[in-house]
Amino acid sequence: MDFSSKLLENAVNEVSRLPGIGKRTALRLVLHLLKQPSDNTKYLTNALTQLRTEVKECKKCHNISDTELCHICSNPNRKEEIVCVVEDIRDVMAIENTGQFRGLYHVLGGKISPIEGVGPQNLNIESLVNKVKSGEVKEIIFALSSTMEGDTTNFYIYKQIEKYNITTSTIARGISVGDELEYADEVTLGRSILNRIPFGDSLKQ
Protein backbone atom coordinates (compact mmCIF):
# COMPACT_ATOMS: atom_id res chain seq x y z
CA MET A 1 0.00 0.00 0.00
CA ASP A 2 1.58 3.26 -1.18
CA PHE A 3 1.11 6.17 1.24
CA SER A 4 1.51 9.82 0.34
CA SER A 5 2.30 10.68 3.96
CA LYS A 6 4.52 8.98 6.51
CA LEU A 7 2.23 10.27 9.28
CA LEU A 8 -0.74 8.66 7.55
CA GLU A 9 1.17 5.41 7.13
CA ASN A 10 2.14 5.35 10.82
CA ALA A 11 -1.45 5.94 11.91
CA VAL A 12 -2.76 3.19 9.60
CA ASN A 13 -0.11 0.75 10.82
CA GLU A 14 -1.07 1.36 14.46
CA VAL A 15 -4.83 1.05 13.86
CA SER A 16 -4.32 -2.15 11.83
CA ARG A 17 -2.78 -3.78 14.92
CA LEU A 18 -6.28 -3.96 16.41
CA PRO A 19 -7.94 -7.40 16.12
CA GLY A 20 -10.08 -7.87 13.03
CA ILE A 21 -8.83 -4.68 11.37
CA GLY A 22 -6.82 -4.98 8.16
CA LYS A 23 -4.85 -2.25 6.41
CA ARG A 24 -7.74 -1.17 4.17
CA THR A 25 -10.18 -0.86 7.07
CA ALA A 26 -7.53 0.97 9.09
CA LEU A 27 -7.00 3.41 6.23
CA ARG A 28 -10.75 4.06 6.01
CA LEU A 29 -10.94 4.74 9.75
CA VAL A 30 -7.92 7.03 9.76
CA LEU A 31 -9.22 9.02 6.78
CA HIS A 32 -12.59 9.29 8.54
CA LEU A 33 -10.86 10.75 11.62
CA LEU A 34 -9.02 13.26 9.43
CA LYS A 35 -12.34 14.55 8.11
CA GLN A 36 -13.78 15.05 11.59
CA PRO A 37 -13.37 18.23 13.69
CA SER A 38 -10.09 18.09 15.61
CA ASP A 39 -11.97 18.04 18.93
CA ASN A 40 -13.49 14.67 18.00
CA THR A 41 -10.03 13.16 17.64
CA LYS A 42 -9.00 14.67 20.97
CA TYR A 43 -12.02 13.10 22.68
CA LEU A 44 -11.05 9.71 21.25
CA THR A 45 -7.39 9.94 22.23
CA ASN A 46 -8.28 11.25 25.69
CA ALA A 47 -10.73 8.40 26.24
CA LEU A 48 -8.10 5.81 25.22
CA THR A 49 -5.43 7.45 27.37
CA GLN A 50 -7.76 7.50 30.39
CA LEU A 51 -8.65 3.86 29.76
CA ARG A 52 -4.99 2.85 29.84
CA THR A 53 -4.00 4.95 32.84
CA GLU A 54 -7.07 4.85 35.09
CA VAL A 55 -8.95 1.59 34.51
CA LYS A 56 -8.74 -0.92 37.37
CA GLU A 57 -9.31 -4.60 37.88
CA CYS A 58 -11.98 -5.40 40.48
CA LYS A 59 -10.12 -6.85 43.44
CA LYS A 60 -12.93 -9.33 44.08
CA CYS A 61 -13.95 -10.69 40.66
CA HIS A 62 -11.22 -9.39 38.27
CA ASN A 63 -13.78 -7.56 36.15
CA ILE A 64 -12.77 -4.26 34.53
CA SER A 65 -13.83 -1.37 36.76
CA ASP A 66 -13.38 2.33 37.48
CA THR A 67 -13.09 1.59 41.21
CA GLU A 68 -11.52 -1.09 43.42
CA LEU A 69 -14.84 -2.96 43.54
CA CYS A 70 -16.89 -3.12 40.33
CA HIS A 71 -20.52 -2.03 40.36
CA ILE A 72 -21.67 -5.67 40.40
CA CYS A 73 -19.60 -6.77 43.40
CA SER A 74 -20.53 -3.62 45.33
CA ASN A 75 -24.26 -4.09 44.69
CA PRO A 76 -25.88 -5.28 47.98
CA ASN A 77 -28.76 -6.84 46.04
CA ARG A 78 -26.54 -9.41 44.33
CA LYS A 79 -26.30 -12.96 45.73
CA GLU A 80 -22.71 -13.28 46.91
CA GLU A 81 -22.98 -17.03 47.48
CA ILE A 82 -23.47 -17.76 43.75
CA VAL A 83 -20.50 -17.15 41.47
CA CYS A 84 -20.56 -17.46 37.70
CA VAL A 85 -17.13 -18.28 36.23
CA VAL A 86 -16.45 -16.67 32.85
CA GLU A 87 -13.51 -16.17 30.53
CA ASP A 88 -13.49 -12.38 30.22
CA ILE A 89 -15.45 -9.15 30.55
CA ARG A 90 -17.30 -9.71 27.26
CA ASP A 91 -18.98 -12.75 28.83
CA VAL A 92 -19.95 -10.73 31.91
CA MET A 93 -21.58 -8.17 29.62
CA ALA A 94 -23.37 -10.89 27.63
CA ILE A 95 -24.85 -12.53 30.74
CA GLU A 96 -25.75 -9.19 32.34
CA ASN A 97 -27.67 -8.26 29.18
CA THR A 98 -29.99 -11.24 29.75
CA GLY A 99 -31.16 -9.82 33.11
CA GLN A 100 -31.49 -13.39 34.41
CA PHE A 101 -28.50 -13.69 36.73
CA ARG A 102 -28.35 -12.03 40.16
CA GLY A 103 -25.17 -13.55 41.56
CA LEU A 104 -21.56 -12.43 41.22
CA TYR A 105 -18.89 -13.26 38.65
CA HIS A 106 -15.32 -14.48 38.58
CA VAL A 107 -13.34 -13.50 35.48
CA LEU A 108 -10.57 -15.97 34.70
CA GLY A 109 -8.85 -13.83 32.09
CA GLY A 110 -8.70 -16.65 29.54
CA LYS A 111 -8.86 -20.43 29.19
CA ILE A 112 -6.29 -23.16 29.67
CA SER A 113 -4.61 -23.72 26.30
CA PRO A 114 -1.27 -25.59 26.25
CA ILE A 115 -0.90 -24.85 22.54
CA GLU A 116 -0.92 -21.12 23.26
CA GLY A 117 1.19 -21.53 26.38
CA VAL A 118 -1.65 -20.67 28.77
CA GLY A 119 -1.64 -22.79 31.92
CA PRO A 120 -3.66 -22.64 35.16
CA GLN A 121 -0.99 -20.40 36.70
CA ASN A 122 -1.68 -17.76 34.03
CA LEU A 123 -5.37 -17.46 34.96
CA ASN A 124 -7.30 -16.17 37.99
CA ILE A 125 -7.95 -19.67 39.28
CA GLU A 126 -6.19 -19.57 42.64
CA SER A 127 -8.30 -16.64 43.87
CA LEU A 128 -11.46 -18.56 42.88
CA VAL A 129 -10.34 -21.63 44.82
CA ASN A 130 -9.61 -19.39 47.82
CA LYS A 131 -13.18 -18.04 47.67
CA VAL A 132 -14.47 -21.60 47.84
CA LYS A 133 -12.11 -22.50 50.68
CA SER A 134 -13.29 -19.53 52.72
CA GLY A 135 -16.89 -20.78 52.59
CA GLU A 136 -18.29 -17.56 51.14
CA VAL A 137 -19.40 -19.33 47.94
CA LYS A 138 -22.18 -21.95 47.87
CA GLU A 139 -22.48 -22.52 44.12
CA ILE A 140 -20.09 -22.20 41.20
CA ILE A 141 -21.63 -21.89 37.73
CA PHE A 142 -19.27 -22.74 34.90
CA ALA A 143 -20.09 -20.46 31.96
CA LEU A 144 -17.12 -20.93 29.65
CA SER A 145 -17.52 -21.50 25.94
CA SER A 146 -18.24 -25.05 24.80
CA THR A 147 -14.81 -25.59 23.30
CA MET A 148 -12.03 -28.04 24.16
CA GLU A 149 -10.19 -25.26 26.01
CA GLY A 150 -13.34 -24.22 27.87
CA ASP A 151 -14.15 -27.79 28.90
CA THR A 152 -10.55 -28.39 29.99
CA THR A 153 -10.63 -25.27 32.15
CA ASN A 154 -13.98 -26.21 33.68
CA PHE A 155 -12.71 -29.68 34.55
CA TYR A 156 -9.46 -28.40 36.03
CA ILE A 157 -11.30 -25.98 38.34
CA TYR A 158 -13.84 -28.67 39.23
CA LYS A 159 -11.06 -31.01 40.38
CA GLN A 160 -9.59 -28.21 42.53
CA ILE A 161 -12.84 -27.60 44.42
CA GLU A 162 -14.71 -30.92 44.37
CA LYS A 163 -13.56 -31.83 47.90
CA TYR A 164 -15.34 -28.80 49.33
CA ASN A 165 -19.03 -28.74 50.19
CA ILE A 166 -20.14 -26.68 47.21
CA THR A 167 -22.62 -27.02 44.36
CA THR A 168 -21.11 -26.94 40.88
CA SER A 169 -23.26 -26.43 37.81
CA THR A 170 -22.81 -25.53 34.18
CA ILE A 171 -24.97 -23.57 31.79
CA ALA A 172 -27.40 -25.72 29.82
CA ARG A 173 -26.30 -26.61 26.32
CA GLY A 174 -28.67 -24.23 24.62
CA ILE A 175 -25.33 -22.76 23.58
CA SER A 176 -24.05 -24.77 20.63
CA VAL A 177 -20.84 -26.75 21.11
CA GLY A 178 -17.92 -24.67 19.88
CA ASP A 179 -19.76 -21.36 20.22
CA GLU A 180 -18.31 -18.39 22.07
CA LEU A 181 -20.57 -17.11 24.84
CA GLU A 182 -20.47 -13.47 23.76
CA TYR A 183 -22.16 -14.29 20.42
CA ALA A 184 -25.14 -16.14 21.90
CA ASP A 185 -28.47 -14.34 21.74
CA GLU A 186 -29.79 -13.01 25.03
CA VAL A 187 -32.84 -15.30 25.23
CA THR A 188 -30.80 -18.49 24.67
CA LEU A 189 -28.10 -17.39 27.09
CA GLY A 190 -30.63 -16.38 29.73
CA ARG A 191 -32.38 -19.74 29.53
CA SER A 192 -29.03 -21.53 29.72
CA ILE A 193 -28.28 -19.76 33.00
CA LEU A 194 -31.72 -20.49 34.48
CA ASN A 195 -31.71 -24.13 33.33
CA ARG A 196 -28.15 -24.89 34.44
CA ILE A 197 -27.34 -28.50 35.29
CA PRO A 198 -25.01 -30.13 37.86
CA PHE A 199 -21.47 -30.05 36.50
CA GLY A 200 -20.94 -33.73 37.31
CA ASP A 201 -23.84 -34.63 35.02
CA SER A 202 -22.25 -32.72 32.16
CA LEU A 203 -19.20 -34.98 32.35
CA LYS A 204 -21.38 -38.01 31.58
CA GLN A 205 -22.83 -36.50 28.40
C-alpha atoms as a PDB file:
ATOM      1  CA  MET A   1       0.000   0.000   0.000  1.00  0.00           C
ATOM      2  CA  ASP A   2       1.582   3.265  -1.183  1.00  0.00           C
ATOM      3  CA  PHE A   3       1.113   6.168   1.244  1.00  0.00           C
ATOM      4  CA  SER A   4       1.515   9.820   0.344  1.00  0.00           C
ATOM      5  CA  SER A   5       2.304  10.684   3.956  1.00  0.00           C
ATOM      6  CA  LYS A   6       4.519   8.980   6.510  1.00  0.00           C
ATOM      7  CA  LEU A   7       2.233  10.273   9.277  1.00  0.00           C
ATOM      8  CA  LEU A   8      -0.742   8.656   7.549  1.00  0.00           C
ATOM      9  CA  GLU A   9       1.167   5.414   7.134  1.00  0.00           C
ATOM     10  CA  ASN A  10       2.144   5.349  10.819  1.00  0.00           C
ATOM     11  CA  ALA A  11      -1.453   5.937  11.910  1.00  0.00           C
ATOM     12  CA  VAL A  12      -2.756   3.192   9.597  1.00  0.00           C
ATOM     13  CA  ASN A  13      -0.111   0.746  10.823  1.00  0.00           C
ATOM     14  CA  GLU A  14      -1.075   1.358  14.456  1.00  0.00           C
ATOM     15  CA  VAL A  15      -4.830   1.053  13.858  1.00  0.00           C
ATOM     16  CA  SER A  16      -4.319  -2.145  11.829  1.00  0.00           C
ATOM     17  CA  ARG A  17      -2.781  -3.779  14.915  1.00  0.00           C
ATOM     18  CA  LEU A  18      -6.277  -3.964  16.412  1.00  0.00           C
ATOM     19  CA  PRO A  19      -7.940  -7.399  16.122  1.00  0.00           C
ATOM     20  CA  GLY A  20     -10.076  -7.874  13.028  1.00  0.00           C
ATOM     21  CA  ILE A  21      -8.829  -4.680  11.368  1.00  0.00           C
ATOM     22  CA  GLY A  22      -6.825  -4.977   8.157  1.00  0.00           C
ATOM     23  CA  LYS A  23      -4.850  -2.253   6.415  1.00  0.00           C
ATOM     24  CA  ARG A  24      -7.745  -1.171   4.169  1.00  0.00           C
ATOM     25  CA  THR A  25     -10.175  -0.856   7.067  1.00  0.00           C
ATOM     26  CA  ALA A  26      -7.528   0.968   9.086  1.00  0.00           C
ATOM     27  CA  LEU A  27      -7.001   3.410   6.232  1.00  0.00           C
ATOM     28  CA  ARG A  28     -10.747   4.059   6.007  1.00  0.00           C
ATOM     29  CA  LEU A  29     -10.943   4.736   9.754  1.00  0.00           C
ATOM     30  CA  VAL A  30      -7.924   7.033   9.763  1.00  0.00           C
ATOM     31  CA  LEU A  31      -9.216   9.018   6.782  1.00  0.00           C
ATOM     32  CA  HIS A  32     -12.586   9.294   8.537  1.00  0.00           C
ATOM     33  CA  LEU A  33     -10.864  10.751  11.616  1.00  0.00           C
ATOM     34  CA  LEU A  34      -9.020  13.256   9.432  1.00  0.00           C
ATOM     35  CA  LYS A  35     -12.344  14.547   8.111  1.00  0.00           C
ATOM     36  CA  GLN A  36     -13.778  15.054  11.594  1.00  0.00           C
ATOM     37  CA  PRO A  37     -13.370  18.226  13.694  1.00  0.00           C
ATOM     38  CA  SER A  38     -10.086  18.089  15.608  1.00  0.00           C
ATOM     39  CA  ASP A  39     -11.973  18.038  18.927  1.00  0.00           C
ATOM     40  CA  ASN A  40     -13.490  14.669  18.003  1.00  0.00           C
ATOM     41  CA  THR A  41     -10.030  13.160  17.643  1.00  0.00           C
ATOM     42  CA  LYS A  42      -9.002  14.666  20.972  1.00  0.00           C
ATOM     43  CA  TYR A  43     -12.021  13.100  22.683  1.00  0.00           C
ATOM     44  CA  LEU A  44     -11.048   9.710  21.255  1.00  0.00           C
ATOM     45  CA  THR A  45      -7.385   9.943  22.231  1.00  0.00           C
ATOM     46  CA  ASN A  46      -8.279  11.250  25.693  1.00  0.00           C
ATOM     47  CA  ALA A  47     -10.734   8.401  26.243  1.00  0.00           C
ATOM     48  CA  LEU A  48      -8.104   5.814  25.225  1.00  0.00           C
ATOM     49  CA  THR A  49      -5.431   7.451  27.371  1.00  0.00           C
ATOM     50  CA  GLN A  50      -7.756   7.501  30.394  1.00  0.00           C
ATOM     51  CA  LEU A  51      -8.649   3.864  29.760  1.00  0.00           C
ATOM     52  CA  ARG A  52      -4.990   2.848  29.842  1.00  0.00           C
ATOM     53  CA  THR A  53      -3.998   4.949  32.841  1.00  0.00           C
ATOM     54  CA  GLU A  54      -7.072   4.850  35.087  1.00  0.00           C
ATOM     55  CA  VAL A  55      -8.947   1.588  34.508  1.00  0.00           C
ATOM     56  CA  LYS A  56      -8.743  -0.915  37.366  1.00  0.00           C
ATOM     57  CA  GLU A  57      -9.314  -4.601  37.884  1.00  0.00           C
ATOM     58  CA  CYS A  58     -11.979  -5.398  40.476  1.00  0.00           C
ATOM     59  CA  LYS A  59     -10.119  -6.848  43.441  1.00  0.00           C
ATOM     60  CA  LYS A  60     -12.929  -9.331  44.077  1.00  0.00           C
ATOM     61  CA  CYS A  61     -13.954 -10.685  40.662  1.00  0.00           C
ATOM     62  CA  HIS A  62     -11.224  -9.387  38.270  1.00  0.00           C
ATOM     63  CA  ASN A  63     -13.785  -7.557  36.146  1.00  0.00           C
ATOM     64  CA  ILE A  64     -12.775  -4.261  34.533  1.00  0.00           C
ATOM     65  CA  SER A  65     -13.826  -1.365  36.758  1.00  0.00           C
ATOM     66  CA  ASP A  66     -13.376   2.331  37.484  1.00  0.00           C
ATOM     67  CA  THR A  67     -13.091   1.594  41.211  1.00  0.00           C
ATOM     68  CA  GLU A  68     -11.518  -1.092  43.419  1.00  0.00           C
ATOM     69  CA  LEU A  69     -14.837  -2.956  43.536  1.00  0.00           C
ATOM     70  CA  CYS A  70     -16.886  -3.124  40.332  1.00  0.00           C
ATOM     71  CA  HIS A  71     -20.524  -2.030  40.364  1.00  0.00           C
ATOM     72  CA  ILE A  72     -21.675  -5.670  40.396  1.00  0.00           C
ATOM     73  CA  CYS A  73     -19.597  -6.771  43.403  1.00  0.00           C
ATOM     74  CA  SER A  74     -20.526  -3.615  45.330  1.00  0.00           C
ATOM     75  CA  ASN A  75     -24.261  -4.086  44.695  1.00  0.00           C
ATOM     76  CA  PRO A  76     -25.876  -5.280  47.985  1.00  0.00           C
ATOM     77  CA  ASN A  77     -28.756  -6.835  46.044  1.00  0.00           C
ATOM     78  CA  ARG A  78     -26.539  -9.413  44.333  1.00  0.00           C
ATOM     79  CA  LYS A  79     -26.304 -12.958  45.729  1.00  0.00           C
ATOM     80  CA  GLU A  80     -22.709 -13.278  46.908  1.00  0.00           C
ATOM     81  CA  GLU A  81     -22.983 -17.028  47.482  1.00  0.00           C
ATOM     82  CA  ILE A  82     -23.474 -17.757  43.755  1.00  0.00           C
ATOM     83  CA  VAL A  83     -20.497 -17.147  41.471  1.00  0.00           C
ATOM     84  CA  CYS A  84     -20.556 -17.457  37.697  1.00  0.00           C
ATOM     85  CA  VAL A  85     -17.131 -18.282  36.225  1.00  0.00           C
ATOM     86  CA  VAL A  86     -16.453 -16.667  32.848  1.00  0.00           C
ATOM     87  CA  GLU A  87     -13.512 -16.171  30.526  1.00  0.00           C
ATOM     88  CA  ASP A  88     -13.486 -12.382  30.217  1.00  0.00           C
ATOM     89  CA  ILE A  89     -15.454  -9.149  30.551  1.00  0.00           C
ATOM     90  CA  ARG A  90     -17.304  -9.715  27.262  1.00  0.00           C
ATOM     91  CA  ASP A  91     -18.978 -12.751  28.831  1.00  0.00           C
ATOM     92  CA  VAL A  92     -19.949 -10.727  31.910  1.00  0.00           C
ATOM     93  CA  MET A  93     -21.584  -8.172  29.623  1.00  0.00           C
ATOM     94  CA  ALA A  94     -23.371 -10.889  27.626  1.00  0.00           C
ATOM     95  CA  ILE A  95     -24.847 -12.528  30.735  1.00  0.00           C
ATOM     96  CA  GLU A  96     -25.749  -9.187  32.337  1.00  0.00           C
ATOM     97  CA  ASN A  97     -27.674  -8.260  29.180  1.00  0.00           C
ATOM     98  CA  THR A  98     -29.990 -11.236  29.754  1.00  0.00           C
ATOM     99  CA  GLY A  99     -31.158  -9.816  33.108  1.00  0.00           C
ATOM    100  CA  GLN A 100     -31.489 -13.391  34.411  1.00  0.00           C
ATOM    101  CA  PHE A 101     -28.499 -13.694  36.734  1.00  0.00           C
ATOM    102  CA  ARG A 102     -28.351 -12.033  40.158  1.00  0.00           C
ATOM    103  CA  GLY A 103     -25.171 -13.554  41.563  1.00  0.00           C
ATOM    104  CA  LEU A 104     -21.556 -12.428  41.223  1.00  0.00           C
ATOM    105  CA  TYR A 105     -18.890 -13.255  38.650  1.00  0.00           C
ATOM    106  CA  HIS A 106     -15.319 -14.475  38.577  1.00  0.00           C
ATOM    107  CA  VAL A 107     -13.345 -13.496  35.476  1.00  0.00           C
ATOM    108  CA  LEU A 108     -10.569 -15.971  34.698  1.00  0.00           C
ATOM    109  CA  GLY A 109      -8.845 -13.833  32.090  1.00  0.00           C
ATOM    110  CA  GLY A 110      -8.697 -16.647  29.536  1.00  0.00           C
ATOM    111  CA  LYS A 111      -8.864 -20.433  29.189  1.00  0.00           C
ATOM    112  CA  ILE A 112      -6.290 -23.165  29.675  1.00  0.00           C
ATOM    113  CA  SER A 113      -4.610 -23.723  26.303  1.00  0.00           C
ATOM    114  CA  PRO A 114      -1.267 -25.586  26.254  1.00  0.00           C
ATOM    115  CA  ILE A 115      -0.898 -24.851  22.535  1.00  0.00           C
ATOM    116  CA  GLU A 116      -0.924 -21.119  23.261  1.00  0.00           C
ATOM    117  CA  GLY A 117       1.193 -21.532  26.381  1.00  0.00           C
ATOM    118  CA  VAL A 118      -1.651 -20.672  28.769  1.00  0.00           C
ATOM    119  CA  GLY A 119      -1.643 -22.786  31.917  1.00  0.00           C
ATOM    120  CA  PRO A 120      -3.662 -22.637  35.164  1.00  0.00           C
ATOM    121  CA  GLN A 121      -0.988 -20.401  36.700  1.00  0.00           C
ATOM    122  CA  ASN A 122      -1.685 -17.758  34.031  1.00  0.00           C
ATOM    123  CA  LEU A 123      -5.370 -17.462  34.965  1.00  0.00           C
ATOM    124  CA  ASN A 124      -7.295 -16.170  37.995  1.00  0.00           C
ATOM    125  CA  ILE A 125      -7.954 -19.670  39.285  1.00  0.00           C
ATOM    126  CA  GLU A 126      -6.187 -19.566  42.644  1.00  0.00           C
ATOM    127  CA  SER A 127      -8.304 -16.641  43.867  1.00  0.00           C
ATOM    128  CA  LEU A 128     -11.459 -18.562  42.877  1.00  0.00           C
ATOM    129  CA  VAL A 129     -10.340 -21.632  44.824  1.00  0.00           C
ATOM    130  CA  ASN A 130      -9.614 -19.389  47.820  1.00  0.00           C
ATOM    131  CA  LYS A 131     -13.178 -18.043  47.672  1.00  0.00           C
ATOM    132  CA  VAL A 132     -14.467 -21.600  47.837  1.00  0.00           C
ATOM    133  CA  LYS A 133     -12.107 -22.502  50.682  1.00  0.00           C
ATOM    134  CA  SER A 134     -13.293 -19.525  52.722  1.00  0.00           C
ATOM    135  CA  GLY A 135     -16.885 -20.779  52.592  1.00  0.00           C
ATOM    136  CA  GLU A 136     -18.289 -17.556  51.139  1.00  0.00           C
ATOM    137  CA  VAL A 137     -19.405 -19.325  47.942  1.00  0.00           C
ATOM    138  CA  LYS A 138     -22.177 -21.954  47.871  1.00  0.00           C
ATOM    139  CA  GLU A 139     -22.484 -22.517  44.116  1.00  0.00           C
ATOM    140  CA  ILE A 140     -20.091 -22.196  41.198  1.00  0.00           C
ATOM    141  CA  ILE A 141     -21.632 -21.887  37.732  1.00  0.00           C
ATOM    142  CA  PHE A 142     -19.268 -22.735  34.902  1.00  0.00           C
ATOM    143  CA  ALA A 143     -20.088 -20.458  31.961  1.00  0.00           C
ATOM    144  CA  LEU A 144     -17.115 -20.928  29.654  1.00  0.00           C
ATOM    145  CA  SER A 145     -17.522 -21.503  25.936  1.00  0.00           C
ATOM    146  CA  SER A 146     -18.243 -25.048  24.797  1.00  0.00           C
ATOM    147  CA  THR A 147     -14.807 -25.587  23.303  1.00  0.00           C
ATOM    148  CA  MET A 148     -12.034 -28.042  24.156  1.00  0.00           C
ATOM    149  CA  GLU A 149     -10.186 -25.262  26.006  1.00  0.00           C
ATOM    150  CA  GLY A 150     -13.337 -24.224  27.867  1.00  0.00           C
ATOM    151  CA  ASP A 151     -14.154 -27.785  28.902  1.00  0.00           C
ATOM    152  CA  THR A 152     -10.548 -28.390  29.989  1.00  0.00           C
ATOM    153  CA  THR A 153     -10.626 -25.266  32.147  1.00  0.00           C
ATOM    154  CA  ASN A 154     -13.981 -26.210  33.676  1.00  0.00           C
ATOM    155  CA  PHE A 155     -12.712 -29.677  34.548  1.00  0.00           C
ATOM    156  CA  TYR A 156      -9.458 -28.395  36.029  1.00  0.00           C
ATOM    157  CA  ILE A 157     -11.302 -25.982  38.342  1.00  0.00           C
ATOM    158  CA  TYR A 158     -13.845 -28.671  39.228  1.00  0.00           C
ATOM    159  CA  LYS A 159     -11.061 -31.007  40.383  1.00  0.00           C
ATOM    160  CA  GLN A 160      -9.591 -28.215  42.527  1.00  0.00           C
ATOM    161  CA  ILE A 161     -12.839 -27.596  44.422  1.00  0.00           C
ATOM    162  CA  GLU A 162     -14.712 -30.921  44.369  1.00  0.00           C
ATOM    163  CA  LYS A 163     -13.565 -31.832  47.904  1.00  0.00           C
ATOM    164  CA  TYR A 164     -15.338 -28.803  49.325  1.00  0.00           C
ATOM    165  CA  ASN A 165     -19.032 -28.742  50.188  1.00  0.00           C
ATOM    166  CA  ILE A 166     -20.144 -26.681  47.212  1.00  0.00           C
ATOM    167  CA  THR A 167     -22.620 -27.024  44.364  1.00  0.00           C
ATOM    168  CA  THR A 168     -21.113 -26.942  40.883  1.00  0.00           C
ATOM    169  CA  SER A 169     -23.260 -26.430  37.812  1.00  0.00           C
ATOM    170  CA  THR A 170     -22.806 -25.526  34.181  1.00  0.00           C
ATOM    171  CA  ILE A 171     -24.974 -23.568  31.792  1.00  0.00           C
ATOM    172  CA  ALA A 172     -27.400 -25.718  29.816  1.00  0.00           C
ATOM    173  CA  ARG A 173     -26.303 -26.609  26.317  1.00  0.00           C
ATOM    174  CA  GLY A 174     -28.668 -24.231  24.621  1.00  0.00           C
ATOM    175  CA  ILE A 175     -25.332 -22.763  23.576  1.00  0.00           C
ATOM    176  CA  SER A 176     -24.047 -24.775  20.627  1.00  0.00           C
ATOM    177  CA  VAL A 177     -20.845 -26.747  21.111  1.00  0.00           C
ATOM    178  CA  GLY A 178     -17.919 -24.672  19.883  1.00  0.00           C
ATOM    179  CA  ASP A 179     -19.760 -21.355  20.216  1.00  0.00           C
ATOM    180  CA  GLU A 180     -18.310 -18.388  22.068  1.00  0.00           C
ATOM    181  CA  LEU A 181     -20.568 -17.107  24.837  1.00  0.00           C
ATOM    182  CA  GLU A 182     -20.470 -13.470  23.758  1.00  0.00           C
ATOM    183  CA  TYR A 183     -22.156 -14.289  20.420  1.00  0.00           C
ATOM    184  CA  ALA A 184     -25.141 -16.136  21.904  1.00  0.00           C
ATOM    185  CA  ASP A 185     -28.475 -14.340  21.739  1.00  0.00           C
ATOM    186  CA  GLU A 186     -29.794 -13.007  25.034  1.00  0.00           C
ATOM    187  CA  VAL A 187     -32.841 -15.304  25.230  1.00  0.00           C
ATOM    188  CA  THR A 188     -30.804 -18.487  24.674  1.00  0.00           C
ATOM    189  CA  LEU A 189     -28.096 -17.395  27.089  1.00  0.00           C
ATOM    190  CA  GLY A 190     -30.633 -16.378  29.732  1.00  0.00           C
ATOM    191  CA  ARG A 191     -32.378 -19.741  29.527  1.00  0.00           C
ATOM    192  CA  SER A 192     -29.025 -21.531  29.719  1.00  0.00           C
ATOM    193  CA  ILE A 193     -28.280 -19.760  32.996  1.00  0.00           C
ATOM    194  CA  LEU A 194     -31.721 -20.488  34.479  1.00  0.00           C
ATOM    195  CA  ASN A 195     -31.705 -24.126  33.333  1.00  0.00           C
ATOM    196  CA  ARG A 196     -28.151 -24.886  34.444  1.00  0.00           C
ATOM    197  CA  ILE A 197     -27.339 -28.504  35.288  1.00  0.00           C
ATOM    198  CA  PRO A 198     -25.010 -30.128  37.857  1.00  0.00           C
ATOM    199  CA  PHE A 199     -21.465 -30.052  36.496  1.00  0.00           C
ATOM    200  CA  GLY A 200     -20.941 -33.733  37.307  1.00  0.00           C
ATOM    201  CA  ASP A 201     -23.839 -34.627  35.021  1.00  0.00           C
ATOM    202  CA  SER A 202     -22.251 -32.720  32.156  1.00  0.00           C
ATOM    203  CA  LEU A 203     -19.198 -34.984  32.350  1.00  0.00           C
ATOM    204  CA  LYS A 204     -21.385 -38.010  31.581  1.00  0.00           C
ATOM    205  CA  GLN A 205     -22.833 -36.495  28.401  1.00  0.00           C
END
